[in-house]
Amino acid sequence: MLRQGNCLVLFDGLDEVSQEANLDGIIRDIRDFTDKYSDNQFVMSCRVAAYNHWFERFTDVEMADFDEKQIETFVKNWFRSEPKTADECITLKR
């Protein structure tokens, strides 16, 4: 499917790569992969502070911050089956 360009490939957490990892090598591997399978669609997400415009072929999109109500809604949805955990997270945020 990759060779045919029928995929949406999601990369997440580049900002979570450990200090001990070879970040330059990882970036090179991602570039090589997206070049090799360029007919596919790619989405990469990471925190703004971690991104240094390493990927010229990607379009940058910055998400707006959540307000307090949106944070609470997100946490409650995320921990839908664990309402106590959701309440604890919301309490810690405040």
Protein backbone atom coordinates (compact mmCIF):
# COMPACT_ATOMS: atom_id res chain seq x y z
CA MET A 1 0.00 0.00 0.00
CA LEU A 2 2.90 2.35 0.71
CA ARG A 3 4.35 1.77 -2.75
CA GLN A 4 0.96 2.55 -4.28
CA GLY A 5 0.59 5.78 -2.26
CA ASN A 6 -2.57 4.63 -0.46
CA CYS A 7 -1.54 5.38 3.11
CA LEU A 8 -1.88 8.09 5.69
CA VAL A 9 1.21 7.74 7.88
CA LEU A 10 1.13 9.32 11.34
CA PHE A 11 4.31 10.24 13.19
CA ASP A 12 3.88 11.36 16.79
CA GLY A 13 6.19 12.25 19.62
CA LEU A 14 9.35 13.46 17.90
CA ASP A 15 9.69 15.77 20.89
CA GLU A 16 9.76 12.69 23.13
CA VAL A 17 12.89 11.17 21.60
CA SER A 18 15.38 10.62 24.43
CA GLN A 19 18.54 12.67 24.77
CA GLU A 20 20.58 9.50 24.25
CA ALA A 21 18.95 8.74 20.88
CA ASN A 22 20.51 9.75 17.61
CA LEU A 23 18.02 12.53 16.76
CA ASP A 24 19.85 13.45 13.55
CA GLY A 25 19.63 9.83 12.41
CA ILE A 26 15.95 9.63 13.27
CA ILE A 27 15.23 12.82 11.34
CA ARG A 28 17.22 11.47 8.38
CA ASP A 29 15.27 8.19 8.52
CA ILE A 30 11.94 10.04 8.51
CA ARG A 31 13.06 12.21 5.58
CA ASP A 32 14.25 9.14 3.66
CA PHE A 33 10.98 7.32 4.37
CA THR A 34 8.80 10.24 3.28
CA ASP A 35 10.92 10.72 0.15
CA LYS A 36 10.74 7.03 -0.75
CA TYR A 37 6.96 6.88 -0.26
CA SER A 38 6.17 10.45 -1.29
CA ASP A 39 2.83 9.57 -2.91
CA ASN A 40 1.37 8.93 0.55
CA GLN A 41 0.09 11.47 3.04
CA PHE A 42 2.03 12.18 6.23
CA VAL A 43 1.16 13.88 9.50
CA MET A 44 3.71 14.58 12.19
CA SER A 45 2.82 15.96 15.60
CA CYS A 46 5.10 17.33 18.27
CA ARG A 47 5.35 20.24 20.66
CA VAL A 48 6.30 23.55 19.06
CA ALA A 49 9.37 23.93 21.27
CA ALA A 50 10.81 20.68 19.90
CA TYR A 51 10.35 21.47 16.23
CA ASN A 52 13.11 23.23 14.30
CA HIS A 53 11.78 23.14 10.71
CA TRP A 54 13.61 19.91 9.92
CA PHE A 55 11.03 18.76 7.41
CA GLU A 56 10.75 21.12 4.46
CA ARG A 57 8.11 19.04 2.65
CA PHE A 58 5.65 19.26 5.56
CA THR A 59 3.19 22.12 5.99
CA ASP A 60 3.39 23.62 9.48
CA VAL A 61 0.14 23.92 11.39
CA GLU A 62 0.01 25.12 14.96
CA MET A 63 -2.89 24.10 17.14
CA ALA A 64 -4.42 26.67 19.47
CA ASP A 65 -4.15 26.09 23.20
CA PHE A 66 -7.16 24.64 25.01
CA ASP A 67 -8.97 26.88 27.46
CA GLU A 68 -9.88 25.50 30.91
CA LYS A 69 -13.29 24.17 29.81
CA GLN A 70 -11.78 22.44 26.75
CA ILE A 71 -9.09 20.84 28.92
CA GLU A 72 -11.71 19.50 31.30
CA THR A 73 -13.82 18.14 28.43
CA PHE A 74 -10.80 16.48 26.81
CA VAL A 75 -9.65 14.86 30.07
CA LYS A 76 -13.12 13.56 30.86
CA ASN A 77 -13.45 12.09 27.37
CA TRP A 78 -9.95 10.59 27.50
CA PHE A 79 -10.65 8.91 30.85
CA ARG A 80 -14.28 8.17 30.11
CA SER A 81 -14.06 4.71 31.67
CA GLU A 82 -12.04 6.05 34.63
CA PRO A 83 -13.91 9.11 35.98
CA LYS A 84 -11.87 9.14 39.21
CA THR A 85 -8.63 9.42 37.22
CA ALA A 86 -10.17 12.21 35.13
CA ASP A 87 -11.12 14.13 38.28
CA GLU A 88 -7.61 13.65 39.68
CA CYS A 89 -6.04 14.98 36.48
CA ILE A 90 -8.32 17.99 36.42
CA THR A 91 -7.59 18.71 40.07
CA LEU A 92 -3.82 18.49 39.43
CA LYS A 93 -4.11 20.91 36.50
CA ARG A 94 -5.66 23.60 38.68
